[in-house]
């Protein structure tokens, strides 16, 4: 029986528009079938919603996505891949 791991990648983006574009482009670029989850991440001590970062949370149970490629991909939208 194959063991399924709970591997997740978190891409940090500067705004909601970038996060939505990244979520859509993941399927085209990497063949991701599952819809990534978008999460608003308010910066500590910030009251202004404009200062929120957006996270794109992507499950990768098979471990087929390369972390370096995901980091370069997120950088196209001025983002990065958060190390676990």
PDB file of N, CA and C in Angstrom:
ATOM      1  N   UNK A   1       0.844  -1.179   0.000  1.00  0.00           N
ATOM      2  CA  UNK A   1       0.000   0.000   0.000  1.00  0.00           C
ATOM      3  C   UNK A   1       0.891   1.244   0.000  1.00  0.00           C
ATOM      4  N   UNK A   2       0.630   2.140  -0.921  1.00  0.00           N
ATOM      5  CA  UNK A   2       1.416   3.374  -1.008  1.00  0.00           C
ATOM      6  C   UNK A   2       0.999   4.340   0.094  1.00  0.00           C
ATOM      7  N   UNK A   3       1.986   4.943   0.685  1.00  0.00           N
ATOM      8  CA  UNK A   3       1.727   5.913   1.747  1.00  0.00           C
ATOM      9  C   UNK A   3       1.574   7.297   1.131  1.00  0.00           C
ATOM     10  N   UNK A   4       0.501   7.994   1.512  1.00  0.00           N
ATOM     11  CA  UNK A   4       0.251   9.335   0.999  1.00  0.00           C
ATOM     12  C   UNK A   4       0.806  10.338   1.996  1.00  0.00           C
ATOM     13  N   UNK A   5       1.655  11.230   1.505  1.00  0.00           N
ATOM     14  CA  UNK A   5       2.209  12.241   2.391  1.00  0.00           C
ATOM     15  C   UNK A   5       1.336  13.491   2.345  1.00  0.00           C
ATOM     16  N   UNK A   6       1.501  14.346   3.323  1.00  0.00           N
ATOM     17  CA  UNK A   6       0.736  15.578   3.398  1.00  0.00           C
ATOM     18  C   UNK A   6       1.668  16.740   3.064  1.00  0.00           C
ATOM     19  N   UNK A   7       2.143  16.769   1.818  1.00  0.00           N
ATOM     20  CA  UNK A   7       3.061  17.809   1.395  1.00  0.00           C
ATOM     21  C   UNK A   7       2.245  19.002   0.907  1.00  0.00           C
ATOM     22  N   UNK A   8       2.611  20.176   1.402  1.00  0.00           N
ATOM     23  CA  UNK A   8       1.954  21.399   0.965  1.00  0.00           C
ATOM     24  C   UNK A   8       3.000  22.433   0.614  1.00  0.00           C
ATOM     25  N   UNK A   9       2.659  23.234  -0.352  1.00  0.00           N
ATOM     26  CA  UNK A   9       3.491  24.365  -0.729  1.00  0.00           C
ATOM     27  C   UNK A   9       2.681  25.618  -0.446  1.00  0.00           C
ATOM     28  N   UNK A  10       3.335  26.623   0.101  1.00  0.00           N
ATOM     29  CA  UNK A  10       2.677  27.898   0.366  1.00  0.00           C
ATOM     30  C   UNK A  10       3.412  28.976  -0.422  1.00  0.00           C
ATOM     31  N   UNK A  11       2.678  29.599  -1.330  1.00  0.00           N
ATOM     32  CA  UNK A  11       3.222  30.700  -2.111  1.00  0.00           C
ATOM     33  C   UNK A  11       2.683  31.995  -1.523  1.00  0.00           C
ATOM     34  N   UNK A  12       3.563  32.939  -1.257  1.00  0.00           N
ATOM     35  CA  UNK A  12       3.186  34.216  -0.654  1.00  0.00           C
ATOM     36  C   UNK A  12       3.173  35.272  -1.749  1.00  0.00           C
ATOM     37  N   UNK A  13       2.021  35.958  -1.895  1.00  0.00           N
ATOM     38  CA  UNK A  13       1.859  36.953  -2.943  1.00  0.00           C
ATOM     39  C   UNK A  13       1.500  38.298  -2.337  1.00  0.00           C
ATOM     40  N   UNK A  14       1.820  39.391  -3.041  1.00  0.00           N
ATOM     41  CA  UNK A  14       1.633  40.724  -2.481  1.00  0.00           C
ATOM     42  C   UNK A  14       0.177  41.183  -2.391  1.00  0.00           C
ATOM     43  N   UNK A  15      -0.726  40.634  -3.230  1.00  0.00           N
ATOM     44  CA  UNK A  15      -2.113  41.078  -3.186  1.00  0.00           C
ATOM     45  C   UNK A  15      -3.040  40.001  -3.737  1.00  0.00           C
ATOM     46  N   UNK A  16      -4.334  40.241  -3.588  1.00  0.00           N
ATOM     47  CA  UNK A  16      -5.329  39.253  -4.001  1.00  0.00           C
ATOM     48  C   UNK A  16      -5.286  38.990  -5.504  1.00  0.00           C
ATOM     49  N   UNK A  17      -5.141  40.041  -6.296  1.00  0.00           N
ATOM     50  CA  UNK A  17      -5.107  39.857  -7.754  1.00  0.00           C
ATOM     51  C   UNK A  17      -3.981  38.911  -8.166  1.00  0.00           C
ATOM     52  N   UNK A  18      -2.800  39.130  -7.595  1.00  0.00           N
ATOM     53  CA  UNK A  18      -1.657  38.266  -7.909  1.00  0.00           C
ATOM     54  C   UNK A  18      -1.944  36.828  -7.476  1.00  0.00           C
ATOM     55  N   UNK A  19      -2.532  36.657  -6.286  1.00  0.00           N
ATOM     56  CA  UNK A  19      -2.839  35.315  -5.786  1.00  0.00           C
ATOM     57  C   UNK A  19      -3.829  34.601  -6.700  1.00  0.00           C
ATOM     58  N   UNK A  20      -4.847  35.321  -7.166  1.00  0.00           N
ATOM     59  CA  UNK A  20      -5.829  34.713  -8.061  1.00  0.00           C
ATOM     60  C   UNK A  20      -5.199  34.331  -9.392  1.00  0.00           C
ATOM     61  N   UNK A  21      -4.324  35.183  -9.907  1.00  0.00           N
ATOM     62  CA  UNK A  21      -3.632  34.877 -11.165  1.00  0.00           C
ATOM     63  C   UNK A  21      -2.726  33.658 -11.006  1.00  0.00           C
ATOM     64  N   UNK A  22      -2.014  33.588  -9.899  1.00  0.00           N
ATOM     65  CA  UNK A  22      -1.133  32.452  -9.638  1.00  0.00           C
ATOM     66  C   UNK A  22      -1.944  31.166  -9.523  1.00  0.00           C
ATOM     67  N   UNK A  23      -3.049  31.208  -8.791  1.00  0.00           N
ATOM     68  CA  UNK A  23      -3.882  30.016  -8.624  1.00  0.00           C
ATOM     69  C   UNK A  23      -4.367  29.497  -9.979  1.00  0.00           C
ATOM     70  N   UNK A  24      -4.744  30.416 -10.857  1.00  0.00           N
ATOM     71  CA  UNK A  24      -5.206  30.022 -12.187  1.00  0.00           C
ATOM     72  C   UNK A  24      -4.057  29.484 -13.038  1.00  0.00           C
ATOM     73  N   UNK A  25      -2.916  30.144 -12.970  1.00  0.00           N
ATOM     74  CA  UNK A  25      -1.770  29.765 -13.809  1.00  0.00           C
ATOM     75  C   UNK A  25      -1.116  28.451 -13.356  1.00  0.00           C
ATOM     76  N   UNK A  26      -1.304  28.063 -12.108  1.00  0.00           N
ATOM     77  CA  UNK A  26      -0.698  26.811 -11.628  1.00  0.00           C
ATOM     78  C   UNK A  26      -1.160  25.614 -12.454  1.00  0.00           C
ATOM     79  N   UNK A  27      -2.433  25.605 -12.799  1.00  0.00           N
ATOM     80  CA  UNK A  27      -2.958  24.502 -13.605  1.00  0.00           C
ATOM     81  C   UNK A  27      -2.331  24.460 -14.983  1.00  0.00           C
ATOM     82  N   UNK A  28      -2.178  25.644 -15.585  1.00  0.00           N
ATOM     83  CA  UNK A  28      -1.603  25.722 -16.928  1.00  0.00           C
ATOM     84  C   UNK A  28      -0.122  25.364 -16.928  1.00  0.00           C
ATOM     85  N   UNK A  29       0.618  25.877 -15.957  1.00  0.00           N
ATOM     86  CA  UNK A  29       2.074  25.705 -15.942  1.00  0.00           C
ATOM     87  C   UNK A  29       2.488  24.342 -15.410  1.00  0.00           C
ATOM     88  N   UNK A  30       1.824  23.881 -14.344  1.00  0.00           N
ATOM     89  CA  UNK A  30       2.273  22.658 -13.670  1.00  0.00           C
ATOM     90  C   UNK A  30       1.284  21.501 -13.772  1.00  0.00           C
ATOM     91  N   UNK A  31       0.153  21.698 -14.430  1.00  0.00           N
ATOM     92  CA  UNK A  31      -0.836  20.626 -14.550  1.00  0.00           C
ATOM     93  C   UNK A  31      -1.488  20.266 -13.226  1.00  0.00           C
ATOM     94  N   UNK A  32      -1.634  21.253 -12.349  1.00  0.00           N
ATOM     95  CA  UNK A  32      -2.248  21.018 -11.047  1.00  0.00           C
ATOM     96  C   UNK A  32      -3.753  20.853 -11.235  1.00  0.00           C
ATOM     97  N   UNK A  33      -4.296  19.731 -10.758  1.00  0.00           N
ATOM     98  CA  UNK A  33      -5.724  19.454 -10.916  1.00  0.00           C
ATOM     99  C   UNK A  33      -6.555  20.072  -9.798  1.00  0.00           C
ATOM    100  N   UNK A  34      -6.050  19.970  -8.594  1.00  0.00           N
ATOM    101  CA  UNK A  34      -6.802  20.448  -7.435  1.00  0.00           C
ATOM    102  C   UNK A  34      -6.718  21.972  -7.327  1.00  0.00           C
ATOM    103  N   UNK A  35      -7.845  22.583  -7.035  1.00  0.00           N
ATOM    104  CA  UNK A  35      -7.896  24.039  -6.890  1.00  0.00           C
ATOM    105  C   UNK A  35      -7.094  24.452  -5.655  1.00  0.00           C
ATOM    106  N   UNK A  36      -6.095  25.333  -5.827  1.00  0.00           N
ATOM    107  CA  UNK A  36      -5.342  25.816  -4.672  1.00  0.00           C
ATOM    108  C   UNK A  36      -6.249  26.651  -3.765  1.00  0.00           C
ATOM    109  N   UNK A  37      -5.897  26.725  -2.505  1.00  0.00           N
ATOM    110  CA  UNK A  37      -6.666  27.504  -1.538  1.00  0.00           C
ATOM    111  C   UNK A  37      -6.019  28.872  -1.381  1.00  0.00           C
ATOM    112  N   UNK A  38      -6.843  29.937  -1.449  1.00  0.00           N
ATOM    113  CA  UNK A  38      -6.354  31.300  -1.240  1.00  0.00           C
ATOM    114  C   UNK A  38      -6.664  31.721   0.183  1.00  0.00           C
ATOM    115  N   UNK A  39      -5.665  32.290   0.863  1.00  0.00           N
ATOM    116  CA  UNK A  39      -5.823  32.692   2.254  1.00  0.00           C
ATOM    117  C   UNK A  39      -5.258  34.094   2.422  1.00  0.00           C
ATOM    118  N   UNK A  40      -6.040  34.980   3.012  1.00  0.00           N
ATOM    119  CA  UNK A  40      -5.563  36.339   3.313  1.00  0.00           C
ATOM    120  C   UNK A  40      -4.754  36.278   4.595  1.00  0.00           C
ATOM    121  N   UNK A  41      -3.564  36.850   4.564  1.00  0.00           N
ATOM    122  CA  UNK A  41      -2.663  36.805   5.715  1.00  0.00           C
ATOM    123  C   UNK A  41      -2.306  38.235   6.113  1.00  0.00           C
ATOM    124  N   UNK A  42      -3.053  38.784   7.091  1.00  0.00           N
ATOM    125  CA  UNK A  42      -2.774  40.152   7.535  1.00  0.00           C
ATOM    126  C   UNK A  42      -1.428  40.184   8.244  1.00  0.00           C
ATOM    127  N   UNK A  43      -0.649  41.182   7.940  1.00  0.00           N
ATOM    128  CA  UNK A  43       0.646  41.326   8.586  1.00  0.00           C
ATOM    129  C   UNK A  43       0.445  41.729  10.040  1.00  0.00           C
ATOM    130  N   UNK A  44       1.279  41.238  10.898  1.00  0.00           N
ATOM    131  CA  UNK A  44       1.161  41.517  12.332  1.00  0.00           C
ATOM    132  C   UNK A  44       1.156  43.023  12.595  1.00  0.00           C
ATOM    133  N   UNK A  45       0.171  43.466  13.349  1.00  0.00           N
ATOM    134  CA  UNK A  45       0.097  44.867  13.730  1.00  0.00           C
ATOM    135  C   UNK A  45      -0.491  45.778  12.674  1.00  0.00           C
ATOM    136  N   UNK A  46      -0.903  45.225  11.545  1.00  0.00           N
ATOM    137  CA  UNK A  46      -1.450  46.049  10.469  1.00  0.00           C
ATOM    138  C   UNK A  46      -2.970  46.009  10.512  1.00  0.00           C
ATOM    139  N   UNK A  47      -3.598  47.174  10.538  1.00  0.00           N
ATOM    140  CA  UNK A  47      -5.055  47.260  10.536  1.00  0.00           C
ATOM    141  C   UNK A  47      -5.608  47.425   9.124  1.00  0.00           C
ATOM    142  N   UNK A  48      -4.802  47.932   8.230  1.00  0.00           N
ATOM    143  CA  UNK A  48      -5.236  48.231   6.879  1.00  0.00           C
ATOM    144  C   UNK A  48      -5.245  46.961   6.029  1.00  0.00           C
ATOM    145  N   UNK A  49      -6.390  46.641   5.452  1.00  0.00           N
ATOM    146  CA  UNK A  49      -6.510  45.430   4.628  1.00  0.00           C
ATOM    147  C   UNK A  49      -5.581  45.474   3.416  1.00  0.00           C
ATOM    148  N   UNK A  50      -5.197  46.671   2.991  1.00  0.00           N
ATOM    149  CA  UNK A  50      -4.294  46.788   1.849  1.00  0.00           C
ATOM    150  C   UNK A  50      -2.912  46.221   2.160  1.00  0.00           C
ATOM    151  N   UNK A  51      -2.573  46.098   3.431  1.00  0.00           N
ATOM    152  CA  UNK A  51      -1.263  45.590   3.819  1.00  0.00           C
ATOM    153  C   UNK A  51      -1.238  44.070   3.973  1.00  0.00           C
ATOM    154  N   UNK A  52      -2.306  43.423   3.581  1.00  0.00           N
ATOM    155  CA  UNK A  52      -2.374  41.969   3.722  1.00  0.00           C
ATOM    156  C   UNK A  52      -1.627  41.290   2.581  1.00  0.00           C
ATOM    157  N   UNK A  53      -0.953  40.209   2.909  1.00  0.00           N
ATOM    158  CA  UNK A  53      -0.383  39.339   1.889  1.00  0.00           C
ATOM    159  C   UNK A  53      -1.421  38.261   1.613  1.00  0.00           C
ATOM    160  N   UNK A  54      -1.301  37.624   0.499  1.00  0.00           N
ATOM    161  CA  UNK A  54      -2.194  36.515   0.161  1.00  0.00           C
ATOM    162  C   UNK A  54      -1.364  35.258  -0.024  1.00  0.00           C
ATOM    163  N   UNK A  55      -1.866  34.172   0.506  1.00  0.00           N
ATOM    164  CA  UNK A  55      -1.200  32.883   0.410  1.00  0.00           C
ATOM    165  C   UNK A  55      -1.958  31.991  -0.557  1.00  0.00           C
ATOM    166  N   UNK A  56      -1.223  31.274  -1.360  1.00  0.00           N
ATOM    167  CA  UNK A  56      -1.798  30.246  -2.213  1.00  0.00           C
ATOM    168  C   UNK A  56      -1.274  28.930  -1.657  1.00  0.00           C
ATOM    169  N   UNK A  57      -2.184  28.130  -1.100  1.00  0.00           N
ATOM    170  CA  UNK A  57      -1.811  26.864  -0.469  1.00  0.00           C
ATOM    171  C   UNK A  57      -2.140  25.740  -1.449  1.00  0.00           C
ATOM    172  N   UNK A  58      -1.120  24.958  -1.741  1.00  0.00           N
ATOM    173  CA  UNK A  58      -1.216  23.941  -2.774  1.00  0.00           C
ATOM    174  C   UNK A  58      -0.783  22.590  -2.211  1.00  0.00           C
ATOM    175  N   UNK A  59      -1.670  21.614  -2.301  1.00  0.00           N
ATOM    176  CA  UNK A  59      -1.298  20.263  -1.858  1.00  0.00           C
ATOM    177  C   UNK A  59      -0.525  19.562  -2.964  1.00  0.00           C
ATOM    178  N   UNK A  60       0.471  18.789  -2.557  1.00  0.00           N
ATOM    179  CA  UNK A  60       1.321  18.059  -3.503  1.00  0.00           C
ATOM    180  C   UNK A  60       1.624  16.695  -2.901  1.00  0.00           C
ATOM    181  N   UNK A  61       0.591  15.863  -2.791  1.00  0.00           N
ATOM    182  CA  UNK A  61       0.729  14.566  -2.122  1.00  0.00           C
ATOM    183  C   UNK A  61       1.704  13.633  -2.808  1.00  0.00           C
ATOM    184  N   UNK A  62       1.874  13.802  -4.110  1.00  0.00           N
ATOM    185  CA  UNK A  62       2.805  12.928  -4.828  1.00  0.00           C
ATOM    186  C   UNK A  62       4.230  13.450  -4.794  1.00  0.00           C
ATOM    187  N   UNK A  63       4.418  14.701  -4.335  1.00  0.00           N
ATOM    188  CA  UNK A  63       5.749  15.280  -4.261  1.00  0.00           C
ATOM    189  C   UNK A  63       6.361  15.551  -5.617  1.00  0.00           C
ATOM    190  N   UNK A  64       5.540  15.792  -6.620  1.00  0.00           N
ATOM    191  CA  UNK A  64       6.050  15.970  -7.987  1.00  0.00           C
ATOM    192  C   UNK A  64       6.426  17.411  -8.311  1.00  0.00           C
ATOM    193  N   UNK A  65       5.975  18.375  -7.503  1.00  0.00           N
ATOM    194  CA  UNK A  65       6.279  19.780  -7.791  1.00  0.00           C
ATOM    195  C   UNK A  65       7.627  20.161  -7.206  1.00  0.00           C
ATOM    196  N   UNK A  66       8.453  20.789  -8.024  1.00  0.00           N
ATOM    197  CA  UNK A  66       9.790  21.191  -7.602  1.00  0.00           C
ATOM    198  C   UNK A  66       9.717  22.513  -6.843  1.00  0.00           C
ATOM    199  N   UNK A  67      10.196  22.548  -5.585  1.00  0.00           N
ATOM    200  CA  UNK A  67      10.145  23.784  -4.790  1.00  0.00           C
ATOM    201  C   UNK A  67      10.845  24.965  -5.466  1.00  0.00           C
ATOM    202  N   UNK A  68      11.971  24.717  -6.111  1.00  0.00           N
ATOM    203  CA  UNK A  68      12.700  25.790  -6.783  1.00  0.00           C
ATOM    204  C   UNK A  68      11.909  26.380  -7.938  1.00  0.00           C
ATOM    205  N   UNK A  69      11.260  25.514  -8.710  1.00  0.00           N
ATOM    206  CA  UNK A  69      10.436  25.989  -9.823  1.00  0.00           C
ATOM    207  C   UNK A  69       9.241  26.787  -9.307  1.00  0.00           C
ATOM    208  N   UNK A  70       8.645  26.333  -8.200  1.00  0.00           N
ATOM    209  CA  UNK A  70       7.521  27.073  -7.619  1.00  0.00           C
ATOM    210  C   UNK A  70       7.968  28.443  -7.125  1.00  0.00           C
ATOM    211  N   UNK A  71       9.160  28.516  -6.560  1.00  0.00           N
ATOM    212  CA  UNK A  71       9.685  29.798  -6.085  1.00  0.00           C
ATOM    213  C   UNK A  71       9.892  30.759  -7.259  1.00  0.00           C
ATOM    214  N   UNK A  72      10.479  30.259  -8.345  1.00  0.00           N
ATOM    215  CA  UNK A  72      10.671  31.094  -9.537  1.00  0.00           C
ATOM    216  C   UNK A  72       9.328  31.525 -10.126  1.00  0.00           C
ATOM    217  N   UNK A  73       8.376  30.615 -10.117  1.00  0.00           N
ATOM    218  CA  UNK A  73       7.028  30.902 -10.622  1.00  0.00           C
ATOM    219  C   UNK A  73       6.379  32.023  -9.812  1.00  0.00           C
ATOM    220  N   UNK A  74       6.417  31.929  -8.487  1.00  0.00           N
ATOM    221  CA  UNK A  74       5.826  32.957  -7.618  1.00  0.00           C
ATOM    222  C   UNK A  74       6.535  34.296  -7.801  1.00  0.00           C
ATOM    223  N   UNK A  75       7.841  34.258  -8.059  1.00  0.00           N
ATOM    224  CA  UNK A  75       8.608  35.493  -8.234  1.00  0.00           C
ATOM    225  C   UNK A  75       8.125  36.298  -9.431  1.00  0.00           C
ATOM    226  N   UNK A  76       7.504  35.633 -10.402  1.00  0.00           N
ATOM    227  CA  UNK A  76       6.960  36.342 -11.557  1.00  0.00           C
ATOM    228  C   UNK A  76       5.863  37.331 -11.139  1.00  0.00           C
ATOM    229  N   UNK A  77       5.265  37.101  -9.969  1.00  0.00           N
ATOM    230  CA  UNK A  77       4.233  37.993  -9.415  1.00  0.00           C
ATOM    231  C   UNK A  77       4.744  38.704  -8.164  1.00  0.00           C
ATOM    232  N   UNK A  78       6.057  38.823  -8.035  1.00  0.00           N
ATOM    233  CA  UNK A  78       6.696  39.460  -6.881  1.00  0.00           C
ATOM    234  C   UNK A  78       6.389  38.729  -5.573  1.00  0.00           C
ATOM    235  N   UNK A  79       6.298  37.413  -5.673  1.00  0.00           N
ATOM    236  CA  UNK A  79       6.047  36.586  -4.502  1.00  0.00           C
ATOM    237  C   UNK A  79       7.181  35.605  -4.293  1.00  0.00           C
ATOM    238  N   UNK A  80       6.960  34.658  -3.396  1.00  0.00           N
ATOM    239  CA  UNK A  80       7.953  33.632  -3.096  1.00  0.00           C
ATOM    240  C   UNK A  80       7.272  32.411  -2.508  1.00  0.00           C
ATOM    241  N   UNK A  81       8.011  31.302  -2.480  1.00  0.00           N
ATOM    242  CA  UNK A  81       7.549  30.079  -1.829  1.00  0.00           C
ATOM    243  C   UNK A  81       8.073  30.076  -0.417  1.00  0.00           C
ATOM    244  N   UNK A  82       7.162  29.918   0.528  1.00  0.00           N
ATOM    245  CA  UNK A  82       7.532  29.892   1.946  1.00  0.00           C
ATOM    246  C   UNK A  82       8.118  28.518   2.268  1.00  0.00           C
ATOM    247  N   UNK A  83       9.275  28.503   2.904  1.00  0.00           N
ATOM    248  CA  UNK A  83       9.872  27.234   3.318  1.00  0.00           C
ATOM    249  C   UNK A  83       9.099  26.683   4.518  1.00  0.00           C
ATOM    250  N   UNK A  84       8.856  25.373   4.546  1.00  0.00           N
ATOM    251  CA  UNK A  84       8.092  24.775   5.667  1.00  0.00           C
ATOM    252  C   UNK A  84       8.838  24.855   6.976  1.00  0.00           C
TER     253      UNK A  84
END
